[in-house]
C-alpha atoms as a PDB file:
ATOM      1  CA  MET A   1     256.178  88.452 192.915  1.00  0.00           C
ATOM      2  CA  TRP A   2     253.120  86.751 194.450  1.00  0.00           C
ATOM      3  CA  TYR A   3     252.514  85.926 198.114  1.00  0.00           C
ATOM      4  CA  THR A   4     250.049  83.623 199.878  1.00  0.00           C
ATOM      5  CA  GLY A   5     247.676  85.155 202.454  1.00  0.00           C
ATOM      6  CA  SER A   6     250.083  84.285 205.141  1.00  0.00           C
ATOM      7  CA  GLY A   7     252.962  86.179 203.598  1.00  0.00           C
ATOM      8  CA  ASN A   8     254.868  83.338 201.902  1.00  0.00           C
ATOM      9  CA  VAL A   9     256.304  83.679 198.458  1.00  0.00           C
ATOM     10  CA  ILE A  10     254.567  81.539 195.915  1.00  0.00           C
ATOM     11  CA  GLU A  11     255.310  80.941 192.200  1.00  0.00           C
ATOM     12  CA  TYR A  12     252.660  81.943 189.800  1.00  0.00           C
ATOM     13  CA  GLU A  13     252.615  78.410 188.198  1.00  0.00           C
ATOM     14  CA  GLN A  14     251.684  77.090 191.684  1.00  0.00           C
ATOM     15  CA  ILE A  15     248.690  79.489 191.828  1.00  0.00           C
ATOM     16  CA  VAL A  16     247.507  78.420 188.350  1.00  0.00           C
ATOM     17  CA  THR A  17     247.746  74.761 189.534  1.00  0.00           C
ATOM     18  CA  LEU A  18     245.779  75.559 192.710  1.00  0.00           C
ATOM     19  CA  VAL A  19     243.171  77.531 190.755  1.00  0.00           C
ATOM     20  CA  LYS A  20     242.695  74.561 188.317  1.00  0.00           C
ATOM     21  CA  GLU A  21     242.320  72.181 191.228  1.00  0.00           C
ATOM     22  CA  HIS A  22     239.832  74.614 192.914  1.00  0.00           C
ATOM     23  CA  SER A  23     237.812  74.872 189.666  1.00  0.00           C
ATOM     24  CA  ARG A  24     237.646  71.062 189.385  1.00  0.00           C
ATOM     25  CA  ASN A  25     235.964  71.211 192.838  1.00  0.00           C
ATOM     26  CA  ASN A  26     233.358  73.658 191.548  1.00  0.00           C
ATOM     27  CA  GLY A  27     235.052  76.726 193.249  1.00  0.00           C
ATOM     28  CA  SER A  28     234.947  80.203 191.998  1.00  0.00           C
ATOM     29  CA  VAL A  29     237.651  82.872 191.692  1.00  0.00           C
ATOM     30  CA  PHE A  30     237.326  86.427 192.779  1.00  0.00           C
ATOM     31  CA  ILE A  31     239.965  89.102 191.815  1.00  0.00           C
ATOM     32  CA  GLY A  32     240.165  92.538 193.180  1.00  0.00           C
ATOM     33  CA  THR A  33     242.658  95.404 193.207  1.00  0.00           C
ATOM     34  CA  ASP A  34     242.992  98.279 195.613  1.00  0.00           C
ATOM     35  CA  SER A  35     245.392 101.130 195.836  1.00  0.00           C
ATOM     36  CA  PHE A  36     246.819 103.420 198.478  1.00  0.00           C
ATOM     37  CA  LEU A  37     248.017 106.783 197.499  1.00  0.00           C
ATOM     38  CA  LYS A  38     250.989 108.249 199.480  1.00  0.00           C
ATOM     39  CA  SER A  39     252.733 111.593 198.867  1.00  0.00           C
ATOM     40  CA  ASP A  40     255.357 110.215 196.553  1.00  0.00           C
ATOM     41  CA  SER A  41     254.008 106.875 195.441  1.00  0.00           C
ATOM     42  CA  CYS A  42     251.046 104.574 194.904  1.00  0.00           C
ATOM     43  CA  VAL A  43     250.780 101.059 196.052  1.00  0.00           C
ATOM     44  CA  PHE A  44     248.491  98.724 194.063  1.00  0.00           C
ATOM     45  CA  SER A  45     247.495  95.323 195.679  1.00  0.00           C
ATOM     46  CA  THR A  46     245.833  92.666 193.558  1.00  0.00           C
ATOM     47  CA  ALA A  47     244.165  89.728 195.160  1.00  0.00           C
ATOM     48  CA  ILE A  48     243.296  86.386 193.562  1.00  0.00           C
ATOM     49  CA  CYS A  49     240.759  84.706 195.992  1.00  0.00           C
ATOM     50  CA  LEU A  50     239.567  81.105 195.916  1.00  0.00           C
ATOM     51  CA  HIS A  51     236.268  80.402 197.559  1.00  0.00           C
ATOM     52  CA  GLY A  52     233.216  78.043 197.425  1.00  0.00           C
ATOM     53  CA  ALA A  53     234.762  74.804 196.193  1.00  0.00           C
ATOM     54  CA  ASP A  54     233.074  71.550 197.310  1.00  0.00           C
ATOM     55  CA  GLY A  55     234.099  70.723 200.878  1.00  0.00           C
ATOM     56  CA  GLN A  56     236.081  74.030 201.205  1.00  0.00           C
ATOM     57  CA  ARG A  57     235.834  75.723 204.665  1.00  0.00           C
ATOM     58  CA  GLY A  58     236.776  79.491 204.348  1.00  0.00           C
ATOM     59  CA  GLY A  59     238.924  80.500 201.480  1.00  0.00           C
ATOM     60  CA  ARG A  60     242.448  81.292 200.427  1.00  0.00           C
ATOM     61  CA  TYR A  61     243.985  84.140 198.498  1.00  0.00           C
ATOM     62  CA  PHE A  62     247.179  85.303 196.834  1.00  0.00           C
ATOM     63  CA  ILE A  63     248.593  88.899 196.715  1.00  0.00           C
ATOM     64  CA  ARG A  64     250.670  90.866 194.396  1.00  0.00           C
ATOM     65  CA  ARG A  65     251.839  94.374 195.435  1.00  0.00           C
ATOM     66  CA  ASN A  66     253.381  96.997 193.079  1.00  0.00           C
ATOM     67  CA  LYS A  67     254.585 100.388 194.086  1.00  0.00           C
ATOM     68  CA  LEU A  68     254.688 103.083 191.609  1.00  0.00           C
ATOM     69  CA  LYS A  69     256.780 106.232 192.208  1.00  0.00           C
ATOM     70  CA  SER A  70     254.491 109.036 191.404  1.00  0.00           C
ATOM     71  CA  GLY A  71     252.953 112.167 192.718  1.00  0.00           C
ATOM     72  CA  HIS A  72     249.265 112.663 192.653  1.00  0.00           C
ATOM     73  CA  ILE A  73     247.208 110.253 190.426  1.00  0.00           C
ATOM     74  CA  PRO A  74     243.749 111.441 189.615  1.00  0.00           C
ATOM     75  CA  LEU A  75     240.916 109.351 191.113  1.00  0.00           C
ATOM     76  CA  ALA A  76     239.532 108.239 187.754  1.00  0.00           C
ATOM     77  CA  ALA A  77     243.004 107.149 186.616  1.00  0.00           C
ATOM     78  CA  ARG A  78     243.603 105.150 189.781  1.00  0.00           C
ATOM     79  CA  MET A  79     240.318 103.451 189.712  1.00  0.00           C
ATOM     80  CA  THR A  80     240.726 102.536 186.026  1.00  0.00           C
ATOM     81  CA  GLU A  81     244.252 101.183 186.778  1.00  0.00           C
ATOM     82  CA  GLU A  82     242.790  99.106 189.636  1.00  0.00           C
ATOM     83  CA  VAL A  83     240.200  97.412 187.340  1.00  0.00           C
ATOM     84  CA  HIS A  84     242.840  97.106 184.558  1.00  0.00           C
ATOM     85  CA  ARG A  85     245.108  95.105 187.011  1.00  0.00           C
ATOM     86  CA  SER A  86     242.260  92.793 187.995  1.00  0.00           C
ATOM     87  CA  VAL A  87     241.161  92.169 184.470  1.00  0.00           C
ATOM     88  CA  GLU A  88     244.734  91.540 183.386  1.00  0.00           C
ATOM     89  CA  ALA A  89     245.097  88.933 186.286  1.00  0.00           C
ATOM     90  CA  GLY A  90     241.879  87.264 185.197  1.00  0.00           C
ATOM     91  CA  MET A  91     242.920  87.231 181.507  1.00  0.00           C
ATOM     92  CA  LYS A  92     246.268  85.707 182.394  1.00  0.00           C
ATOM     93  CA  LEU A  93     244.447  82.832 184.327  1.00  0.00           C
ATOM     94  CA  VAL A  94     242.192  82.204 181.289  1.00  0.00           C
ATOM     95  CA  GLU A  95     245.296  82.227 178.971  1.00  0.00           C
ATOM     96  CA  GLN A  96     246.783  79.525 181.228  1.00  0.00           C
ATOM     97  CA  GLY A  97     243.855  77.325 180.547  1.00  0.00           C
ATOM     98  CA  VAL A  98     241.892  77.853 183.733  1.00  0.00           C
ATOM     99  CA  ASN A  99     238.266  77.035 183.216  1.00  0.00           C
ATOM    100  CA  VAL A 100     236.533  78.659 186.146  1.00  0.00           C
ATOM    101  CA  ARG A 101     234.074  81.366 186.906  1.00  0.00           C
ATOM    102  CA  ILE A 102     235.973  84.522 187.539  1.00  0.00           C
ATOM    103  CA  GLU A 103     234.337  87.486 189.130  1.00  0.00           C
ATOM    104  CA  ILE A 104     236.037  90.921 189.243  1.00  0.00           C
ATOM    105  CA  HIS A 105     235.498  92.857 192.447  1.00  0.00           C
ATOM    106  CA  ILE A 106     235.747  96.658 191.947  1.00  0.00           C
ATOM    107  CA  ASP A 107     236.347  99.043 194.932  1.00  0.00           C
ATOM    108  CA  VAL A 108     233.759 101.688 193.952  1.00  0.00           C
ATOM    109  CA  SER A 109     230.382 102.444 195.182  1.00  0.00           C
ATOM    110  CA  GLY A 110     227.265 101.716 192.942  1.00  0.00           C
ATOM    111  CA  PRO A 111     226.106 104.283 190.457  1.00  0.00           C
ATOM    112  CA  ASN A 112     223.330 105.633 192.703  1.00  0.00           C
ATOM    113  CA  ALA A 113     225.458 106.190 195.834  1.00  0.00           C
ATOM    114  CA  SER A 114     226.788 109.607 196.771  1.00  0.00           C
ATOM    115  CA  ALA A 115     230.429 108.521 197.113  1.00  0.00           C
ATOM    116  CA  ALA A 116     233.175 110.172 194.952  1.00  0.00           C
ATOM    117  CA  THR A 117     233.739 106.874 193.140  1.00  0.00           C
ATOM    118  CA  SER A 118     230.060 106.379 192.224  1.00  0.00           C
ATOM    119  CA  LYS A 119     230.278 108.236 188.904  1.00  0.00           C
ATOM    120  CA  TYR A 120     232.883 105.754 187.649  1.00  0.00           C
ATOM    121  CA  SER A 121     230.881 102.636 188.604  1.00  0.00           C
ATOM    122  CA  ASP A 122     229.138 102.077 185.234  1.00  0.00           C
ATOM    123  CA  MET A 123     232.389 102.658 183.207  1.00  0.00           C
ATOM    124  CA  LEU A 124     234.411 100.351 185.383  1.00  0.00           C
ATOM    125  CA  THR A 125     231.934  97.452 185.577  1.00  0.00           C
ATOM    126  CA  GLY A 126     231.566  97.835 181.793  1.00  0.00           C
ATOM    127  CA  TYR A 127     235.219  97.460 181.381  1.00  0.00           C
ATOM    128  CA  ALA A 128     235.364  94.249 183.404  1.00  0.00           C
ATOM    129  CA  LYS A 129     232.207  92.814 181.711  1.00  0.00           C
ATOM    130  CA  GLY A 130     233.556  93.746 178.320  1.00  0.00           C
ATOM    131  CA  ALA A 131     236.531  91.624 179.035  1.00  0.00           C
ATOM    132  CA  GLY A 132     234.240  88.707 179.626  1.00  0.00           C
ATOM    133  CA  PHE A 133     234.071  88.729 183.458  1.00  0.00           C
ATOM    134  CA  ASP A 134     231.285  89.128 185.998  1.00  0.00           C
ATOM    135  CA  ALA A 135     231.728  92.255 188.110  1.00  0.00           C
ATOM    136  CA  LYS A 136     230.642  93.481 191.475  1.00  0.00           C
ATOM    137  CA  VAL A 137     230.956  96.746 193.313  1.00  0.00           C
ATOM    138  CA  LYS A 138     230.567  97.805 196.870  1.00  0.00           C
ATOM    139  CA  PRO A 139     229.145  96.282 199.155  1.00  0.00           C
ATOM    140  CA  ASN A 140     229.650  93.130 197.288  1.00  0.00           C
ATOM    141  CA  SER A 141     233.300  93.619 196.211  1.00  0.00           C
ATOM    142  CA  TRP A 142     235.045  92.070 199.154  1.00  0.00           C
ATOM    143  CA  ALA A 143     238.054  90.794 197.159  1.00  0.00           C
ATOM    144  CA  SER A 144     239.051  94.465 196.446  1.00  0.00           C
ATOM    145  CA  SER A 145     237.473  96.407 199.313  1.00  0.00           C
ATOM    146  CA  ALA A 146     238.648  93.856 202.125  1.00  0.00           C
ATOM    147  CA  ILE A 147     241.487  91.506 200.955  1.00  0.00           C
ATOM    148  CA  ALA A 148     243.378  93.735 198.556  1.00  0.00           C
ATOM    149  CA  ASP A 149     242.752  96.822 200.697  1.00  0.00           C
ATOM    150  CA  LYS A 150     244.389  95.057 203.705  1.00  0.00           C
ATOM    151  CA  HIS A 151     247.561  94.661 201.604  1.00  0.00           C
ATOM    152  CA  SER A 152     247.732  98.043 200.001  1.00  0.00           C
ATOM    153  CA  LYS A 153     248.510 100.018 203.047  1.00  0.00           C
END
């Protein structure tokens, strides 16, 4: 189930229609997923963000949350699942005939940073780029590190 940024339920078909309209107005789509690990589960939150259309002030986004009952999920598996969910959302839009620039935002630090996720940066950006999308990591991955993060807690 998808929700608007203000928490209202929205049908996926409505999102597709809005994305198509957004693309006709020269807007871009940014997709990111973040996760939050609890002791007995992991919540994945995927955001489809619309920004940069002609005449648009600010942006809008849509969120989907999924809770997996699970114990510990290794960091590499969790990061890969986040990118998989983002790529899957992007591919689904493309399959619906959306002709718009889609950028996948990945919630990892760059390959030269000292963060725990840095060592996965090249692999995960390669995954998104191999699927045909542009990809950004921190600090430029706001769709995952800010929007999706807000809804994964």
